[in-house]
Amino acid sequence: MTALAEFREAFAAFPVVAILRGVRPEEVEAVAEALFAEGVRIVEVPLNSPDPLRSIAVLARAFAGRAVIGAGTVLRVDEVERVAAAGGRLIVSPNTNPAVIAATKRLGLVSSPGFQTPTEAFAAIDAGADVLKFFPGEAATPATVRALAAVIPESVPMLLVGGVATDSIDRWRDTPIAGFGIGSSLYKPGDTPTTVGAKAAAFAAALRLAGRR
């Protein structure tokens, strides 16, 4: 199965990318198992975390065939190559960099660049982006994303990333937002797997109430 097909299947099961910013390699598998137990199937390790490529390699081995593992805060082409070598299948960026997107697609990975404007959205799509990440999400409104969706192809889903909490999921009901990237509301450095699992369970409940599961 291609990386994109795996991503689509995982996203359909649970429309969340869990962002483990600050996670350490020695804890990452247990934290991800806690997320997986509550339904999460896509996990991102930002590259500004401690030894992120090692964490990605650990997860890629442990969750092969079970979850999509990738990297966030990917800013350069050489970082895309290192993530791919570690076994990552998803490349997430805070910005729209056509060179990073092109390298991601050349290596057969899933591309999810950040954007806010139609100009950025179409530059990303033209470069090959698979998923658009509206970032920072705190700047979005339902009206904003509806206006963007009027011109962005339906084949390219939009994720909201930043400021997502259990009590804000329902705000995006009946909007073009396909899912969410969730960071500190799911995991903060120092959280135990038990704590992370409880947070993930709360998000699963919020998604069900919003009709997204």
C-alpha atoms as a PDB file:
ATOM      1  CA  MET A   1       0.000   0.000   0.000  1.00  0.00           C
ATOM      2  CA  THR A   2       1.285   3.474  -0.823  1.00  0.00           C
ATOM      3  CA  ALA A   3       1.981   5.986   1.942  1.00  0.00           C
ATOM      4  CA  LEU A   4      -0.934   8.109   0.737  1.00  0.00           C
ATOM      5  CA  ALA A   5      -3.337   5.152   0.753  1.00  0.00           C
ATOM      6  CA  GLU A   6      -2.198   4.274   4.281  1.00  0.00           C
ATOM      7  CA  PHE A   7      -2.711   7.866   5.376  1.00  0.00           C
ATOM      8  CA  ARG A   8      -6.201   8.047   3.907  1.00  0.00           C
ATOM      9  CA  GLU A   9      -7.216   4.798   5.588  1.00  0.00           C
ATOM     10  CA  ALA A  10      -5.804   5.882   8.954  1.00  0.00           C
ATOM     11  CA  PHE A  11      -7.358   9.338   8.690  1.00  0.00           C
ATOM     12  CA  ALA A  12     -10.767   7.901   7.841  1.00  0.00           C
ATOM     13  CA  ALA A  13     -10.597   5.769  10.995  1.00  0.00           C
ATOM     14  CA  PHE A  14      -9.620   8.663  13.292  1.00  0.00           C
ATOM     15  CA  PRO A  15      -9.287  12.162  11.740  1.00  0.00           C
ATOM     16  CA  VAL A  16      -6.458  13.352  13.976  1.00  0.00           C
ATOM     17  CA  VAL A  17      -2.709  13.725  13.599  1.00  0.00           C
ATOM     18  CA  ALA A  18      -1.189  13.393  17.074  1.00  0.00           C
ATOM     19  CA  ILE A  19       1.745  15.808  17.416  1.00  0.00           C
ATOM     20  CA  LEU A  20       4.299  14.620  19.978  1.00  0.00           C
ATOM     21  CA  ARG A  21       6.434  17.734  20.271  1.00  0.00           C
ATOM     22  CA  GLY A  22       9.189  17.251  22.829  1.00  0.00           C
ATOM     23  CA  VAL A  23       8.815  13.479  23.127  1.00  0.00           C
ATOM     24  CA  ARG A  24      11.965  11.461  23.889  1.00  0.00           C
ATOM     25  CA  PRO A  25      12.985   8.253  22.119  1.00  0.00           C
ATOM     26  CA  GLU A  26      12.915   6.211  25.318  1.00  0.00           C
ATOM     27  CA  GLU A  27       9.242   7.059  25.956  1.00  0.00           C
ATOM     28  CA  VAL A  28       7.841   7.461  22.460  1.00  0.00           C
ATOM     29  CA  GLU A  29       6.649   3.888  21.901  1.00  0.00           C
ATOM     30  CA  ALA A  30       4.688   3.728  25.162  1.00  0.00           C
ATOM     31  CA  VAL A  31       3.113   7.135  24.503  1.00  0.00           C
ATOM     32  CA  ALA A  32       2.130   6.113  20.969  1.00  0.00           C
ATOM     33  CA  GLU A  33       0.688   2.816  22.215  1.00  0.00           C
ATOM     34  CA  ALA A  34      -1.543   4.782  24.590  1.00  0.00           C
ATOM     35  CA  LEU A  35      -2.749   6.888  21.663  1.00  0.00           C
ATOM     36  CA  PHE A  36      -3.262   3.837  19.481  1.00  0.00           C
ATOM     37  CA  ALA A  37      -5.384   2.161  22.146  1.00  0.00           C
ATOM     38  CA  GLU A  38      -7.844   5.066  21.908  1.00  0.00           C
ATOM     39  CA  GLY A  39      -8.014   4.995  18.117  1.00  0.00           C
ATOM     40  CA  VAL A  40      -5.251   7.366  16.957  1.00  0.00           C
ATOM     41  CA  ARG A  41      -3.616   6.062  13.782  1.00  0.00           C
ATOM     42  CA  ILE A  42      -1.370   8.958  12.689  1.00  0.00           C
ATOM     43  CA  VAL A  43       1.556  10.193  14.787  1.00  0.00           C
ATOM     44  CA  GLU A  44       3.913  13.074  14.045  1.00  0.00           C
ATOM     45  CA  VAL A  45       7.233  13.707  15.804  1.00  0.00           C
ATOM     46  CA  PRO A  46       8.345  17.322  15.194  1.00  0.00           C
ATOM     47  CA  LEU A  47      11.989  17.673  14.271  1.00  0.00           C
ATOM     48  CA  ASN A  48      12.577  20.164  17.086  1.00  0.00           C
ATOM     49  CA  SER A  49      12.052  17.336  19.582  1.00  0.00           C
ATOM     50  CA  PRO A  50      14.980  15.538  21.281  1.00  0.00           C
ATOM     51  CA  ASP A  51      16.610  13.060  18.848  1.00  0.00           C
ATOM     52  CA  PRO A  52      13.519  13.033  16.613  1.00  0.00           C
ATOM     53  CA  LEU A  53      14.845  10.718  13.914  1.00  0.00           C
ATOM     54  CA  ARG A  54      15.511   8.041  16.501  1.00  0.00           C
ATOM     55  CA  SER A  55      11.947   8.413  17.790  1.00  0.00           C
ATOM     56  CA  ILE A  56      10.596   8.149  14.255  1.00  0.00           C
ATOM     57  CA  ALA A  57      12.657   5.011  13.633  1.00  0.00           C
ATOM     58  CA  VAL A  58      11.370   3.436  16.865  1.00  0.00           C
ATOM     59  CA  LEU A  59       7.767   4.180  15.906  1.00  0.00           C
ATOM     60  CA  ALA A  60       8.203   3.089  12.288  1.00  0.00           C
ATOM     61  CA  ARG A  61       9.366  -0.342  13.470  1.00  0.00           C
ATOM     62  CA  ALA A  62       6.837  -0.714  16.278  1.00  0.00           C
ATOM     63  CA  PHE A  63       3.796   0.439  14.279  1.00  0.00           C
ATOM     64  CA  ALA A  64       4.556  -0.935  10.818  1.00  0.00           C
ATOM     65  CA  GLY A  65       1.217  -1.825   9.257  1.00  0.00           C
ATOM     66  CA  ARG A  66      -0.706  -0.355  12.204  1.00  0.00           C
ATOM     67  CA  ALA A  67      -0.200   3.420  12.096  1.00  0.00           C
ATOM     68  CA  VAL A  68       1.247   6.160   9.893  1.00  0.00           C
ATOM     69  CA  ILE A  69       4.380   7.713  11.376  1.00  0.00           C
ATOM     70  CA  GLY A  70       5.865  10.989  10.235  1.00  0.00           C
ATOM     71  CA  ALA A  71       7.750  14.152  11.077  1.00  0.00           C
ATOM     72  CA  GLY A  72       6.670  17.707  11.724  1.00  0.00           C
ATOM     73  CA  THR A  73       8.443  21.063  11.478  1.00  0.00           C
ATOM     74  CA  VAL A  74      10.194  19.819   8.345  1.00  0.00           C
ATOM     75  CA  LEU A  75      11.776  22.845   6.686  1.00  0.00           C
ATOM     76  CA  ARG A  76      14.478  21.584   4.301  1.00  0.00           C
ATOM     77  CA  VAL A  77      14.903  18.973   1.597  1.00  0.00           C
ATOM     78  CA  ASP A  78      17.701  17.198   3.464  1.00  0.00           C
ATOM     79  CA  GLU A  79      15.359  16.765   6.437  1.00  0.00           C
ATOM     80  CA  VAL A  80      12.801  15.060   4.202  1.00  0.00           C
ATOM     81  CA  GLU A  81      15.493  12.617   3.091  1.00  0.00           C
ATOM     82  CA  ARG A  82      16.544  11.848   6.674  1.00  0.00           C
ATOM     83  CA  VAL A  83      12.945  11.275   7.763  1.00  0.00           C
ATOM     84  CA  ALA A  84      12.423   8.881   4.868  1.00  0.00           C
ATOM     85  CA  ALA A  85      15.592   7.000   5.810  1.00  0.00           C
ATOM     86  CA  ALA A  86      14.276   6.653   9.376  1.00  0.00           C
ATOM     87  CA  GLY A  87      11.043   5.103   8.103  1.00  0.00           C
ATOM     88  CA  GLY A  88       8.754   8.118   8.251  1.00  0.00           C
ATOM     89  CA  ARG A  89       5.845   8.213   5.786  1.00  0.00           C
ATOM     90  CA  LEU A  90       4.402  11.680   6.452  1.00  0.00           C
ATOM     91  CA  ILE A  91       6.069  15.087   6.099  1.00  0.00           C
ATOM     92  CA  VAL A  92       4.399  18.010   7.874  1.00  0.00           C
ATOM     93  CA  SER A  93       5.637  21.599   7.674  1.00  0.00           C
ATOM     94  CA  PRO A  94       4.492  24.900   9.188  1.00  0.00           C
ATOM     95  CA  ASN A  95       5.012  26.620   5.827  1.00  0.00           C
ATOM     96  CA  THR A  96       4.631  26.098   2.078  1.00  0.00           C
ATOM     97  CA  ASN A  97       8.005  25.256   0.563  1.00  0.00           C
ATOM     98  CA  PRO A  98       7.637  23.810  -2.967  1.00  0.00           C
ATOM     99  CA  ALA A  99      11.093  22.214  -2.803  1.00  0.00           C
ATOM    100  CA  VAL A 100      10.212  20.328   0.393  1.00  0.00           C
ATOM    101  CA  ILE A 101       6.875  19.242  -1.088  1.00  0.00           C
ATOM    102  CA  ALA A 102       8.530  18.055  -4.309  1.00  0.00           C
ATOM    103  CA  ALA A 103      11.164  16.079  -2.389  1.00  0.00           C
ATOM    104  CA  THR A 104       8.434  14.509  -0.271  1.00  0.00           C
ATOM    105  CA  LYS A 105       6.541  13.306  -3.321  1.00  0.00           C
ATOM    106  CA  ARG A 106       9.724  12.150  -5.071  1.00  0.00           C
ATOM    107  CA  LEU A 107      10.320   9.830  -2.122  1.00  0.00           C
ATOM    108  CA  GLY A 108       6.747   8.544  -2.128  1.00  0.00           C
ATOM    109  CA  LEU A 109       5.726  10.171   1.147  1.00  0.00           C
ATOM    110  CA  VAL A 110       2.623  12.122   2.164  1.00  0.00           C
ATOM    111  CA  SER A 111       2.974  15.915   2.014  1.00  0.00           C
ATOM    112  CA  SER A 112       1.128  18.182   4.461  1.00  0.00           C
ATOM    113  CA  PRO A 113       2.439  21.764   4.272  1.00  0.00           C
ATOM    114  CA  GLY A 114       1.132  24.682   6.290  1.00  0.00           C
ATOM    115  CA  PHE A 115      -0.849  27.482   4.690  1.00  0.00           C
ATOM    116  CA  GLN A 116      -3.199  30.365   5.442  1.00  0.00           C
ATOM    117  CA  THR A 117      -3.912  32.083   2.127  1.00  0.00           C
ATOM    118  CA  PRO A 118      -5.209  30.944  -1.271  1.00  0.00           C
ATOM    119  CA  THR A 119      -1.826  31.844  -2.755  1.00  0.00           C
ATOM    120  CA  GLU A 120      -0.054  29.481  -0.358  1.00  0.00           C
ATOM    121  CA  ALA A 121      -2.700  26.792  -0.818  1.00  0.00           C
ATOM    122  CA  PHE A 122      -2.364  26.730  -4.588  1.00  0.00           C
ATOM    123  CA  ALA A 123       1.432  26.910  -4.485  1.00  0.00           C
ATOM    124  CA  ALA A 124       1.327  23.827  -2.247  1.00  0.00           C
ATOM    125  CA  ILE A 125      -1.159  22.002  -4.467  1.00  0.00           C
ATOM    126  CA  ASP A 126       0.833  22.807  -7.607  1.00  0.00           C
ATOM    127  CA  ALA A 127       3.934  21.365  -5.936  1.00  0.00           C
ATOM    128  CA  GLY A 128       2.086  18.125  -5.116  1.00  0.00           C
ATOM    129  CA  ALA A 129       0.717  18.553  -1.580  1.00  0.00           C
ATOM    130  CA  ASP A 130      -1.704  15.840  -0.464  1.00  0.00           C
ATOM    131  CA  VAL A 131      -3.169  17.524   2.640  1.00  0.00           C
ATOM    132  CA  LEU A 132      -3.280  21.214   3.537  1.00  0.00           C
ATOM    133  CA  LYS A 133      -2.571  22.217   7.113  1.00  0.00           C
ATOM    134  CA  PHE A 134      -4.261  25.469   8.177  1.00  0.00           C
ATOM    135  CA  PHE A 135      -1.743  26.867  10.659  1.00  0.00           C
ATOM    136  CA  PRO A 136      -1.967  28.437  13.109  1.00  0.00           C
ATOM    137  CA  GLY A 137      -5.514  27.254  13.654  1.00  0.00           C
ATOM    138  CA  GLU A 138      -6.165  29.960  16.203  1.00  0.00           C
ATOM    139  CA  ALA A 139      -6.407  32.381  13.263  1.00  0.00           C
ATOM    140  CA  ALA A 140      -9.144  30.389  11.508  1.00  0.00           C
ATOM    141  CA  THR A 141     -12.890  30.841  11.680  1.00  0.00           C
ATOM    142  CA  PRO A 142     -15.616  28.670  10.153  1.00  0.00           C
ATOM    143  CA  ALA A 143     -16.302  31.491   7.687  1.00  0.00           C
ATOM    144  CA  THR A 144     -12.624  31.620   6.667  1.00  0.00           C
ATOM    145  CA  VAL A 145     -12.353  27.937   5.908  1.00  0.00           C
ATOM    146  CA  ARG A 146     -15.663  27.917   4.029  1.00  0.00           C
ATOM    147  CA  ALA A 147     -14.366  30.740   1.824  1.00  0.00           C
ATOM    148  CA  LEU A 148     -11.111  28.847   1.183  1.00  0.00           C
ATOM    149  CA  ALA A 149     -13.005  25.651   0.411  1.00  0.00           C
ATOM    150  CA  ALA A 150     -14.922  27.437  -2.323  1.00  0.00           C
ATOM    151  CA  VAL A 151     -11.751  27.440  -4.431  1.00  0.00           C
ATOM    152  CA  ILE A 152      -9.559  24.640  -2.998  1.00  0.00           C
ATOM    153  CA  PRO A 153     -10.209  21.267  -4.688  1.00  0.00           C
ATOM    154  CA  GLU A 154     -12.278  18.851  -2.598  1.00  0.00           C
ATOM    155  CA  SER A 155      -9.657  16.188  -3.303  1.00  0.00           C
ATOM    156  CA  VAL A 156      -7.186  18.032  -1.052  1.00  0.00           C
ATOM    157  CA  PRO A 157      -8.404  17.881   2.557  1.00  0.00           C
ATOM    158  CA  MET A 158      -7.798  20.674   5.044  1.00  0.00           C
ATOM    159  CA  LEU A 159      -6.572  20.034   8.581  1.00  0.00           C
ATOM    160  CA  LEU A 160      -6.804  22.549  11.399  1.00  0.00           C
ATOM    161  CA  VAL A 161      -3.635  22.670  13.478  1.00  0.00           C
ATOM    162  CA  GLY A 162      -3.117  24.852  16.535  1.00  0.00           C
ATOM    163  CA  GLY A 163      -5.398  25.639  19.424  1.00  0.00           C
ATOM    164  CA  VAL A 164      -7.538  22.515  19.049  1.00  0.00           C
ATOM    165  CA  ALA A 165      -9.140  21.333  22.301  1.00  0.00           C
ATOM    166  CA  THR A 166     -11.905  18.896  23.154  1.00  0.00           C
ATOM    167  CA  ASP A 167     -14.369  21.751  23.639  1.00  0.00           C
ATOM    168  CA  SER A 168     -13.569  23.333  20.259  1.00  0.00           C
ATOM    169  CA  ILE A 169     -14.042  20.278  18.016  1.00  0.00           C
ATOM    170  CA  ASP A 170     -17.772  20.875  17.651  1.00  0.00           C
ATOM    171  CA  ARG A 171     -17.144  24.416  16.391  1.00  0.00           C
ATOM    172  CA  TRP A 172     -15.979  22.896  13.121  1.00  0.00           C
ATOM    173  CA  ARG A 173     -19.049  20.735  12.555  1.00  0.00           C
ATOM    174  CA  ASP A 174     -20.476  21.256   9.053  1.00  0.00           C
ATOM    175  CA  THR A 175     -17.328  23.041   7.861  1.00  0.00           C
ATOM    176  CA  PRO A 176     -14.793  21.893   5.251  1.00  0.00           C
ATOM    177  CA  ILE A 177     -12.243  21.055   7.982  1.00  0.00           C
ATOM    178  CA  ALA A 178     -11.585  17.330   7.472  1.00  0.00           C
ATOM    179  CA  GLY A 179      -9.681  16.745  10.700  1.00  0.00           C
ATOM    180  CA  PHE A 180      -7.235  18.089  13.221  1.00  0.00           C
ATOM    181  CA  GLY A 181      -3.586  18.169  14.173  1.00  0.00           C
ATOM    182  CA  ILE A 182      -3.444  18.104  17.957  1.00  0.00           C
ATOM    183  CA  GLY A 183      -0.328  18.804  19.967  1.00  0.00           C
ATOM    184  CA  SER A 184      -0.150  20.012  23.552  1.00  0.00           C
ATOM    185  CA  SER A 185      -3.786  19.134  24.229  1.00  0.00           C
ATOM    186  CA  LEU A 186      -2.789  15.500  23.661  1.00  0.00           C
ATOM    187  CA  TYR A 187       0.837  15.381  24.748  1.00  0.00           C
ATOM    188  CA  LYS A 188       3.159  17.651  26.690  1.00  0.00           C
ATOM    189  CA  PRO A 189       6.714  16.728  27.702  1.00  0.00           C
ATOM    190  CA  GLY A 190       6.496  14.898  30.990  1.00  0.00           C
ATOM    191  CA  ASP A 191       3.067  13.388  30.380  1.00  0.00           C
ATOM    192  CA  THR A 192       2.842   9.685  31.211  1.00  0.00           C
ATOM    193  CA  PRO A 193       1.285   7.209  28.782  1.00  0.00           C
ATOM    194  CA  THR A 194      -1.683   6.955  31.150  1.00  0.00           C
ATOM    195  CA  THR A 195      -2.213  10.708  30.984  1.00  0.00           C
ATOM    196  CA  VAL A 196      -1.892  10.717  27.199  1.00  0.00           C
ATOM    197  CA  GLY A 197      -4.349   7.857  26.906  1.00  0.00           C
ATOM    198  CA  ALA A 198      -6.913   9.714  28.996  1.00  0.00           C
ATOM    199  CA  LYS A 199      -6.520  12.826  26.828  1.00  0.00           C
ATOM    200  CA  ALA A 200      -6.912  10.751  23.667  1.00  0.00           C
ATOM    201  CA  ALA A 201     -10.069   9.137  25.060  1.00  0.00           C
ATOM    202  CA  ALA A 202     -11.528  12.604  25.690  1.00  0.00           C
ATOM    203  CA  PHE A 203     -10.796  13.623  22.094  1.00  0.00           C
ATOM    204  CA  ALA A 204     -12.335  10.397  20.793  1.00  0.00           C
ATOM    205  CA  ALA A 205     -15.511  11.230  22.713  1.00  0.00           C
ATOM    206  CA  ALA A 206     -15.508  14.804  21.372  1.00  0.00           C
ATOM    207  CA  LEU A 207     -15.101  13.526  17.810  1.00  0.00           C
ATOM    208  CA  ARG A 208     -18.033  11.155  18.262  1.00  0.00           C
ATOM    209  CA  LEU A 209     -20.228  13.945  19.612  1.00  0.00           C
ATOM    210  CA  ALA A 210     -19.293  16.094  16.620  1.00  0.00           C
ATOM    211  CA  GLY A 211     -20.208  13.296  14.235  1.00  0.00           C
ATOM    212  CA  ARG A 212     -16.654  12.717  13.054  1.00  0.00           C
ATOM    213  CA  ARG A 213     -16.353   9.037  14.073  1.00  0.00           C
END
